[in-house]
Amino acid sequence: MTVSLGRLMRASDRYAAVNRRARHDYLIEDTLEAGLVLHGTEVKSLRQGGASIAEAYADEEKGELFLVNANIPEYRAATHFGHQPKRPRKLLLHKRQMNRLLGAIRREGVTLVPLSIYFNERGRAKVELGLAHGKRKADRRAAERDRDWQRSRARLLRSREL
């Protein structure tokens, strides 16, 4: 099997934006991949990096899902065919997935949070969405306590092995 160097992508090249706070602020129940409808210069801007999805979420509008509040900066080399950085972007999903997510969103306390925007092997922009419940302050403290304990335990085990 031959692989052309032009199509070979490293894992670090694939991600255009990552929401690092999502797993801290939310309890992620399920994840899924969705396509993203982008205009011309948005793809080039995503490939350059600098996009932010820290405050983004997916919302329903007329029976369809849109990625709201995601910031894809304008492409500097574009002339007069630029794009709006914070416009709502349509998410592409199968009908069954869409109905399941819409039902979940309509329930109380469930949010669709984008975890990352990346390019798949074919070069298409995809969004990894997480079906999430907001964490309370006590939940965050408990998670931090568990994380600290795991670190301390690993440190103790390492020192015992030496």
N, C-alpha and C. Protein backbone atom coordinates (compact mmCIF):
# COMPACT_ATOMS: atom_id res chain seq x y z
N MET A 1 0.84 -1.18 0.00
CA MET A 1 0.00 0.00 0.00
C MET A 1 0.89 1.24 0.00
N THR A 2 0.65 2.15 -0.89
CA THR A 2 1.43 3.38 -0.96
C THR A 2 0.60 4.55 -0.45
N VAL A 3 1.25 5.42 0.27
CA VAL A 3 0.59 6.59 0.82
C VAL A 3 1.34 7.81 0.30
N SER A 4 0.61 8.71 -0.34
CA SER A 4 1.28 9.92 -0.83
C SER A 4 1.51 10.86 0.35
N LEU A 5 2.61 11.54 0.33
CA LEU A 5 2.97 12.42 1.44
C LEU A 5 2.04 13.61 1.55
N GLY A 6 1.42 14.01 0.46
CA GLY A 6 0.51 15.14 0.49
C GLY A 6 -0.74 14.86 1.30
N ARG A 7 -1.18 13.61 1.34
CA ARG A 7 -2.41 13.26 2.04
C ARG A 7 -2.16 12.75 3.45
N LEU A 8 -0.90 12.54 3.81
CA LEU A 8 -0.57 12.04 5.13
C LEU A 8 -0.73 13.16 6.15
N MET A 9 -1.52 12.91 7.18
CA MET A 9 -1.77 13.95 8.18
C MET A 9 -1.39 13.43 9.55
N ARG A 10 -0.70 14.25 10.32
CA ARG A 10 -0.42 13.92 11.71
C ARG A 10 -1.66 14.24 12.54
N ALA A 11 -1.77 13.61 13.69
CA ALA A 11 -2.92 13.84 14.57
C ALA A 11 -2.98 15.31 15.00
N SER A 12 -1.83 15.94 15.20
CA SER A 12 -1.82 17.34 15.64
C SER A 12 -2.31 18.28 14.53
N ASP A 13 -2.16 17.86 13.26
CA ASP A 13 -2.61 18.69 12.15
C ASP A 13 -4.12 18.63 11.96
N ARG A 14 -4.74 17.59 12.46
CA ARG A 14 -6.15 17.37 12.22
C ARG A 14 -7.03 18.34 13.00
N TYR A 15 -6.66 18.70 14.23
CA TYR A 15 -7.53 19.50 15.08
C TYR A 15 -7.40 20.98 14.76
N ALA A 16 -8.54 21.61 14.48
CA ALA A 16 -8.57 23.04 14.21
C ALA A 16 -8.90 23.81 15.49
N ALA A 17 -9.72 23.21 16.36
CA ALA A 17 -10.09 23.85 17.63
C ALA A 17 -10.47 22.77 18.63
N VAL A 18 -10.09 22.97 19.89
CA VAL A 18 -10.41 22.02 20.95
C VAL A 18 -10.99 22.80 22.13
N ASN A 19 -12.08 22.28 22.69
CA ASN A 19 -12.71 22.90 23.85
C ASN A 19 -12.23 22.17 25.10
N ARG A 20 -11.18 22.67 25.71
CA ARG A 20 -10.57 22.01 26.86
C ARG A 20 -11.42 22.15 28.12
N ARG A 21 -12.21 23.18 28.22
CA ARG A 21 -13.03 23.41 29.42
C ARG A 21 -14.28 22.55 29.46
N ALA A 22 -14.68 21.97 28.33
CA ALA A 22 -15.95 21.25 28.26
C ALA A 22 -16.00 20.10 29.26
N ARG A 23 -14.96 19.29 29.33
CA ARG A 23 -14.98 18.14 30.24
C ARG A 23 -14.84 18.57 31.70
N HIS A 24 -14.37 19.78 31.93
CA HIS A 24 -14.29 20.30 33.29
C HIS A 24 -15.64 20.85 33.74
N ASP A 25 -16.32 21.56 32.85
CA ASP A 25 -17.58 22.21 33.21
C ASP A 25 -18.80 21.32 33.05
N TYR A 26 -18.70 20.26 32.25
CA TYR A 26 -19.85 19.42 31.95
C TYR A 26 -19.52 17.95 32.19
N LEU A 27 -20.55 17.18 32.50
CA LEU A 27 -20.46 15.73 32.57
C LEU A 27 -20.91 15.22 31.20
N ILE A 28 -19.98 14.70 30.40
CA ILE A 28 -20.26 14.28 29.04
C ILE A 28 -20.83 12.86 29.07
N GLU A 29 -22.09 12.70 28.62
CA GLU A 29 -22.74 11.40 28.59
C GLU A 29 -22.39 10.61 27.34
N ASP A 30 -22.43 11.28 26.20
CA ASP A 30 -22.25 10.60 24.92
C ASP A 30 -21.60 11.57 23.95
N THR A 31 -20.85 11.03 22.99
CA THR A 31 -20.23 11.87 21.96
C THR A 31 -20.63 11.36 20.59
N LEU A 32 -20.66 12.25 19.62
CA LEU A 32 -20.92 11.87 18.24
C LEU A 32 -20.28 12.87 17.30
N GLU A 33 -20.13 12.46 16.05
CA GLU A 33 -19.49 13.27 15.03
C GLU A 33 -20.55 13.85 14.12
N ALA A 34 -20.41 15.13 13.79
CA ALA A 34 -21.35 15.79 12.89
C ALA A 34 -20.56 16.57 11.84
N GLY A 35 -21.13 16.67 10.66
CA GLY A 35 -20.53 17.49 9.62
C GLY A 35 -20.84 18.95 9.88
N LEU A 36 -20.17 19.82 9.19
CA LEU A 36 -20.30 21.26 9.41
C LEU A 36 -20.40 21.96 8.07
N VAL A 37 -21.42 22.81 7.90
CA VAL A 37 -21.57 23.56 6.66
C VAL A 37 -20.74 24.84 6.79
N LEU A 38 -19.72 24.96 5.95
CA LEU A 38 -18.82 26.11 6.01
C LEU A 38 -18.82 26.85 4.68
N HIS A 39 -18.59 28.14 4.72
CA HIS A 39 -18.43 28.95 3.51
C HIS A 39 -16.95 28.96 3.14
N GLY A 40 -16.64 29.41 1.94
CA GLY A 40 -15.33 29.32 1.34
C GLY A 40 -14.14 29.64 2.22
N THR A 41 -14.08 30.84 2.77
CA THR A 41 -12.88 31.24 3.51
C THR A 41 -12.83 30.65 4.91
N GLU A 42 -13.95 30.09 5.40
CA GLU A 42 -13.95 29.51 6.74
C GLU A 42 -13.05 28.28 6.80
N VAL A 43 -13.02 27.50 5.75
CA VAL A 43 -12.19 26.30 5.72
C VAL A 43 -10.72 26.69 5.79
N LYS A 44 -10.31 27.66 5.01
CA LYS A 44 -8.92 28.11 5.02
C LYS A 44 -8.55 28.69 6.38
N SER A 45 -9.46 29.42 6.99
CA SER A 45 -9.21 29.99 8.30
C SER A 45 -9.09 28.89 9.36
N LEU A 46 -9.93 27.85 9.26
CA LEU A 46 -9.83 26.73 10.19
C LEU A 46 -8.50 26.02 10.06
N ARG A 47 -8.03 25.84 8.83
CA ARG A 47 -6.76 25.15 8.61
C ARG A 47 -5.59 25.95 9.18
N GLN A 48 -5.72 27.27 9.24
CA GLN A 48 -4.67 28.10 9.84
C GLN A 48 -4.68 28.02 11.36
N GLY A 49 -5.80 27.61 11.93
CA GLY A 49 -5.93 27.56 13.40
C GLY A 49 -6.48 28.87 13.92
N GLY A 50 -6.59 28.98 15.21
CA GLY A 50 -7.08 30.22 15.81
C GLY A 50 -8.57 30.23 16.06
N ALA A 51 -9.29 29.19 15.67
CA ALA A 51 -10.73 29.13 15.92
C ALA A 51 -10.97 28.86 17.40
N SER A 52 -12.09 29.35 17.91
CA SER A 52 -12.42 29.18 19.32
C SER A 52 -13.83 28.63 19.46
N ILE A 53 -13.96 27.53 20.22
CA ILE A 53 -15.29 26.96 20.49
C ILE A 53 -15.54 26.88 21.99
N ALA A 54 -14.83 27.69 22.76
CA ALA A 54 -14.93 27.64 24.22
C ALA A 54 -16.33 28.02 24.71
N GLU A 55 -16.99 28.94 24.05
CA GLU A 55 -18.31 29.38 24.48
C GLU A 55 -19.41 28.92 23.53
N ALA A 56 -19.10 27.97 22.67
CA ALA A 56 -20.05 27.52 21.66
C ALA A 56 -20.96 26.42 22.20
N TYR A 57 -22.11 26.27 21.57
CA TYR A 57 -23.06 25.21 21.88
C TYR A 57 -23.91 24.97 20.64
N ALA A 58 -24.60 23.84 20.61
CA ALA A 58 -25.49 23.53 19.50
C ALA A 58 -26.92 23.80 19.94
N ASP A 59 -27.70 24.42 19.05
CA ASP A 59 -29.07 24.79 19.37
C ASP A 59 -29.98 24.46 18.21
N GLU A 60 -31.25 24.30 18.51
CA GLU A 60 -32.25 23.96 17.50
C GLU A 60 -32.85 25.23 16.90
N GLU A 61 -33.06 25.18 15.60
CA GLU A 61 -33.77 26.25 14.92
C GLU A 61 -34.53 25.64 13.75
N LYS A 62 -35.84 25.67 13.82
CA LYS A 62 -36.73 25.12 12.77
C LYS A 62 -36.44 23.65 12.48
N GLY A 63 -36.25 22.87 13.54
CA GLY A 63 -36.04 21.44 13.38
C GLY A 63 -34.65 21.03 12.92
N GLU A 64 -33.70 21.96 12.89
CA GLU A 64 -32.33 21.65 12.51
C GLU A 64 -31.40 22.12 13.62
N LEU A 65 -30.21 21.55 13.65
CA LEU A 65 -29.22 21.93 14.66
C LEU A 65 -28.18 22.87 14.06
N PHE A 66 -27.83 23.89 14.83
CA PHE A 66 -26.83 24.86 14.42
C PHE A 66 -25.78 25.01 15.51
N LEU A 67 -24.54 25.20 15.11
CA LEU A 67 -23.45 25.49 16.03
C LEU A 67 -23.45 27.01 16.24
N VAL A 68 -23.72 27.42 17.46
CA VAL A 68 -23.89 28.83 17.78
C VAL A 68 -22.69 29.32 18.59
N ASN A 69 -22.26 30.53 18.32
CA ASN A 69 -21.23 31.22 19.10
C ASN A 69 -19.82 30.66 18.88
N ALA A 70 -19.60 29.89 17.84
CA ALA A 70 -18.25 29.43 17.52
C ALA A 70 -17.56 30.54 16.74
N ASN A 71 -16.35 30.85 17.11
CA ASN A 71 -15.63 31.96 16.48
C ASN A 71 -14.57 31.40 15.53
N ILE A 72 -14.80 31.57 14.23
CA ILE A 72 -13.81 31.24 13.21
C ILE A 72 -13.35 32.57 12.63
N PRO A 73 -12.13 32.99 12.93
CA PRO A 73 -11.69 34.33 12.51
C PRO A 73 -11.66 34.46 10.99
N GLU A 74 -11.72 35.70 10.54
CA GLU A 74 -11.69 35.95 9.09
C GLU A 74 -10.35 35.54 8.51
N TYR A 75 -10.39 35.07 7.29
CA TYR A 75 -9.18 34.68 6.57
C TYR A 75 -8.51 35.94 6.06
N ARG A 76 -7.29 36.18 6.47
CA ARG A 76 -6.61 37.45 6.16
C ARG A 76 -6.36 37.65 4.67
N ALA A 77 -6.08 36.59 3.95
CA ALA A 77 -5.74 36.72 2.53
C ALA A 77 -6.98 36.89 1.65
N ALA A 78 -8.18 36.79 2.22
CA ALA A 78 -9.40 36.94 1.43
C ALA A 78 -9.59 38.39 1.03
N THR A 79 -10.19 38.58 -0.12
CA THR A 79 -10.46 39.94 -0.58
C THR A 79 -11.82 40.39 -0.07
N HIS A 80 -12.83 40.37 -0.89
CA HIS A 80 -14.14 40.87 -0.48
C HIS A 80 -15.15 39.74 -0.24
N PHE A 81 -14.71 38.49 -0.30
CA PHE A 81 -15.62 37.38 -0.06
C PHE A 81 -15.36 36.75 1.31
N GLY A 82 -15.28 37.57 2.33
CA GLY A 82 -15.01 37.09 3.68
C GLY A 82 -16.26 36.47 4.30
N HIS A 83 -16.18 36.14 5.57
CA HIS A 83 -17.31 35.55 6.27
C HIS A 83 -17.46 36.21 7.64
N GLN A 84 -18.62 36.03 8.24
CA GLN A 84 -18.86 36.56 9.58
C GLN A 84 -18.27 35.57 10.59
N PRO A 85 -17.41 36.02 11.49
CA PRO A 85 -16.72 35.10 12.40
C PRO A 85 -17.64 34.32 13.34
N LYS A 86 -18.74 34.89 13.80
CA LYS A 86 -19.58 34.22 14.80
C LYS A 86 -20.95 33.82 14.27
N ARG A 87 -21.08 33.61 12.99
CA ARG A 87 -22.39 33.25 12.45
C ARG A 87 -22.77 31.82 12.86
N PRO A 88 -24.08 31.52 12.97
CA PRO A 88 -24.50 30.14 13.26
C PRO A 88 -24.19 29.24 12.06
N ARG A 89 -23.64 28.05 12.34
CA ARG A 89 -23.26 27.12 11.27
C ARG A 89 -24.09 25.86 11.40
N LYS A 90 -24.67 25.43 10.29
CA LYS A 90 -25.55 24.27 10.28
C LYS A 90 -24.74 22.99 10.50
N LEU A 91 -25.29 22.08 11.32
CA LEU A 91 -24.68 20.79 11.57
C LEU A 91 -25.35 19.73 10.71
N LEU A 92 -24.57 18.87 10.12
CA LEU A 92 -25.08 17.82 9.25
C LEU A 92 -25.10 16.49 10.00
N LEU A 93 -26.31 15.95 10.17
CA LEU A 93 -26.50 14.69 10.89
C LEU A 93 -27.52 13.84 10.17
N HIS A 94 -27.51 12.54 10.45
CA HIS A 94 -28.56 11.67 9.94
C HIS A 94 -29.85 12.00 10.68
N LYS A 95 -30.98 11.73 10.04
CA LYS A 95 -32.29 12.08 10.60
C LYS A 95 -32.51 11.44 11.97
N ARG A 96 -32.11 10.18 12.10
CA ARG A 96 -32.30 9.47 13.37
C ARG A 96 -31.45 10.10 14.47
N GLN A 97 -30.22 10.47 14.14
CA GLN A 97 -29.36 11.14 15.12
C GLN A 97 -29.94 12.49 15.51
N MET A 98 -30.43 13.22 14.51
CA MET A 98 -31.01 14.54 14.74
C MET A 98 -32.20 14.44 15.69
N ASN A 99 -33.09 13.49 15.44
CA ASN A 99 -34.27 13.34 16.30
C ASN A 99 -33.89 12.97 17.73
N ARG A 100 -32.89 12.10 17.88
CA ARG A 100 -32.45 11.71 19.21
C ARG A 100 -31.88 12.91 19.96
N LEU A 101 -31.05 13.72 19.28
CA LEU A 101 -30.44 14.88 19.92
C LEU A 101 -31.47 15.96 20.23
N LEU A 102 -32.41 16.18 19.32
CA LEU A 102 -33.45 17.18 19.57
C LEU A 102 -34.29 16.78 20.78
N GLY A 103 -34.60 15.50 20.90
CA GLY A 103 -35.34 15.03 22.07
C GLY A 103 -34.56 15.23 23.35
N ALA A 104 -33.25 15.00 23.28
CA ALA A 104 -32.40 15.17 24.47
C ALA A 104 -32.27 16.65 24.85
N ILE A 105 -32.16 17.51 23.86
CA ILE A 105 -32.02 18.95 24.14
C ILE A 105 -33.28 19.51 24.79
N ARG A 106 -34.43 19.02 24.36
CA ARG A 106 -35.69 19.53 24.91
C ARG A 106 -35.89 19.13 26.36
N ARG A 107 -35.17 18.08 26.81
CA ARG A 107 -35.24 17.73 28.23
C ARG A 107 -34.52 18.80 29.03
N GLU A 108 -34.83 18.86 30.29
CA GLU A 108 -34.24 19.88 31.15
C GLU A 108 -32.78 19.56 31.48
N GLY A 109 -31.90 20.55 31.37
CA GLY A 109 -30.52 20.42 31.82
C GLY A 109 -29.56 19.72 30.88
N VAL A 110 -29.97 19.45 29.65
CA VAL A 110 -29.08 18.77 28.71
C VAL A 110 -28.62 19.79 27.66
N THR A 111 -27.32 19.78 27.37
CA THR A 111 -26.73 20.71 26.42
C THR A 111 -25.88 19.95 25.42
N LEU A 112 -25.83 20.42 24.19
CA LEU A 112 -24.93 19.87 23.18
C LEU A 112 -23.72 20.79 23.11
N VAL A 113 -22.58 20.26 23.51
CA VAL A 113 -21.35 21.05 23.60
C VAL A 113 -20.35 20.55 22.57
N PRO A 114 -19.77 21.44 21.75
CA PRO A 114 -18.73 20.99 20.83
C PRO A 114 -17.43 20.73 21.60
N LEU A 115 -16.87 19.53 21.41
CA LEU A 115 -15.63 19.18 22.09
C LEU A 115 -14.42 19.52 21.23
N SER A 116 -14.56 19.37 19.91
CA SER A 116 -13.46 19.71 19.01
C SER A 116 -13.98 19.88 17.59
N ILE A 117 -13.23 20.64 16.81
CA ILE A 117 -13.44 20.74 15.36
C ILE A 117 -12.16 20.21 14.74
N TYR A 118 -12.30 19.28 13.81
CA TYR A 118 -11.13 18.66 13.21
C TYR A 118 -11.41 18.31 11.75
N PHE A 119 -10.37 17.93 11.05
CA PHE A 119 -10.49 17.49 9.67
C PHE A 119 -10.29 15.98 9.63
N ASN A 120 -11.23 15.26 9.00
CA ASN A 120 -11.09 13.80 8.93
C ASN A 120 -10.09 13.43 7.84
N GLU A 121 -9.93 12.13 7.58
CA GLU A 121 -8.94 11.66 6.61
C GLU A 121 -9.20 12.20 5.21
N ARG A 122 -10.46 12.43 4.88
CA ARG A 122 -10.81 12.94 3.56
C ARG A 122 -10.69 14.46 3.46
N GLY A 123 -10.34 15.12 4.57
CA GLY A 123 -10.17 16.56 4.56
C GLY A 123 -11.44 17.33 4.85
N ARG A 124 -12.49 16.66 5.30
CA ARG A 124 -13.76 17.31 5.62
C ARG A 124 -13.75 17.80 7.06
N ALA A 125 -14.32 18.98 7.28
CA ALA A 125 -14.40 19.54 8.64
C ALA A 125 -15.52 18.84 9.39
N LYS A 126 -15.21 18.36 10.59
CA LYS A 126 -16.17 17.67 11.44
C LYS A 126 -16.15 18.28 12.83
N VAL A 127 -17.27 18.13 13.53
CA VAL A 127 -17.39 18.61 14.89
C VAL A 127 -17.69 17.40 15.77
N GLU A 128 -16.94 17.26 16.86
CA GLU A 128 -17.26 16.23 17.84
C GLU A 128 -18.14 16.88 18.89
N LEU A 129 -19.39 16.42 18.97
CA LEU A 129 -20.36 16.98 19.91
C LEU A 129 -20.49 16.07 21.13
N GLY A 130 -20.69 16.67 22.27
CA GLY A 130 -20.92 15.92 23.50
C GLY A 130 -22.28 16.24 24.06
N LEU A 131 -23.04 15.21 24.39
CA LEU A 131 -24.33 15.37 25.06
C LEU A 131 -24.00 15.52 26.54
N ALA A 132 -24.26 16.69 27.13
CA ALA A 132 -23.69 17.01 28.43
C ALA A 132 -24.72 17.54 29.42
N HIS A 133 -24.43 17.29 30.69
CA HIS A 133 -25.14 17.89 31.82
C HIS A 133 -24.15 18.80 32.52
N GLY A 134 -24.59 19.97 32.95
CA GLY A 134 -23.71 20.89 33.66
C GLY A 134 -23.32 20.34 35.01
N LYS A 135 -22.06 20.49 35.39
CA LYS A 135 -21.60 20.05 36.70
C LYS A 135 -21.88 21.13 37.73
N ARG A 136 -22.22 20.70 38.92
CA ARG A 136 -22.38 21.64 40.02
C ARG A 136 -21.00 21.86 40.65
N LYS A 137 -20.93 22.86 41.51
CA LYS A 137 -19.65 23.18 42.14
C LYS A 137 -19.11 22.00 42.94
N ALA A 138 -19.99 21.30 43.65
CA ALA A 138 -19.57 20.15 44.44
C ALA A 138 -19.04 19.03 43.55
N ASP A 139 -19.64 18.84 42.38
CA ASP A 139 -19.16 17.82 41.44
C ASP A 139 -17.77 18.15 40.95
N ARG A 140 -17.54 19.43 40.66
CA ARG A 140 -16.21 19.84 40.19
C ARG A 140 -15.16 19.63 41.27
N ARG A 141 -15.53 19.96 42.52
CA ARG A 141 -14.59 19.76 43.63
C ARG A 141 -14.27 18.28 43.82
N ALA A 142 -15.28 17.43 43.70
CA ALA A 142 -15.06 15.99 43.85
C ALA A 142 -14.17 15.46 42.74
N ALA A 143 -14.38 15.92 41.52
CA ALA A 143 -13.55 15.49 40.40
C ALA A 143 -12.11 15.93 40.60
N GLU A 144 -11.93 17.15 41.09
CA GLU A 144 -10.57 17.65 41.34
C GLU A 144 -9.90 16.86 42.46
N ARG A 145 -10.66 16.51 43.50
CA ARG A 145 -10.13 15.71 44.61
C ARG A 145 -9.69 14.33 44.10
N ASP A 146 -10.52 13.71 43.24
CA ASP A 146 -10.17 12.40 42.68
C ASP A 146 -8.91 12.49 41.81
N ARG A 147 -8.83 13.53 41.01
CA ARG A 147 -7.67 13.72 40.14
C ARG A 147 -6.39 13.89 40.98
N ASP A 148 -6.48 14.69 42.05
CA ASP A 148 -5.32 14.88 42.93
C ASP A 148 -4.92 13.58 43.61
N TRP A 149 -5.91 12.78 44.05
CA TRP A 149 -5.60 11.51 44.68
C TRP A 149 -4.91 10.57 43.69
N GLN A 150 -5.39 10.51 42.45
CA GLN A 150 -4.78 9.65 41.45
C GLN A 150 -3.32 10.06 41.21
N ARG A 151 -3.07 11.36 41.15
CA ARG A 151 -1.70 11.85 40.97
C ARG A 151 -0.82 11.46 42.13
N SER A 152 -1.32 11.66 43.36
CA SER A 152 -0.55 11.32 44.56
C SER A 152 -0.28 9.82 44.62
N ARG A 153 -1.28 9.03 44.30
CA ARG A 153 -1.11 7.58 44.33
C ARG A 153 -0.06 7.13 43.32
N ALA A 154 -0.11 7.70 42.11
CA ALA A 154 0.89 7.36 41.10
C ALA A 154 2.29 7.76 41.57
N ARG A 155 2.40 8.92 42.21
CA ARG A 155 3.68 9.38 42.72
C ARG A 155 4.22 8.43 43.79
N LEU A 156 3.33 8.00 44.70
CA LEU A 156 3.73 7.06 45.75
C LEU A 156 4.18 5.72 45.16
N LEU A 157 3.45 5.22 44.19
CA LEU A 157 3.82 3.96 43.56
C LEU A 157 5.15 4.05 42.83
N ARG A 158 5.39 5.17 42.18
CA ARG A 158 6.67 5.37 41.50
C ARG A 158 7.82 5.39 42.49
N SER A 159 7.64 6.09 43.58
CA SER A 159 8.71 6.19 44.58
C SER A 159 8.95 4.85 45.26
N ARG A 160 7.94 4.03 45.42
CA ARG A 160 8.09 2.71 46.03
C ARG A 160 8.84 1.75 45.12
N GLU A 161 8.67 1.90 43.79
CA GLU A 161 9.34 1.04 42.83
C GLU A 161 10.84 1.31 42.76
N LEU A 162 11.24 2.52 43.06
CA LEU A 162 12.67 2.87 42.99
C LEU A 162 13.37 2.29 44.12
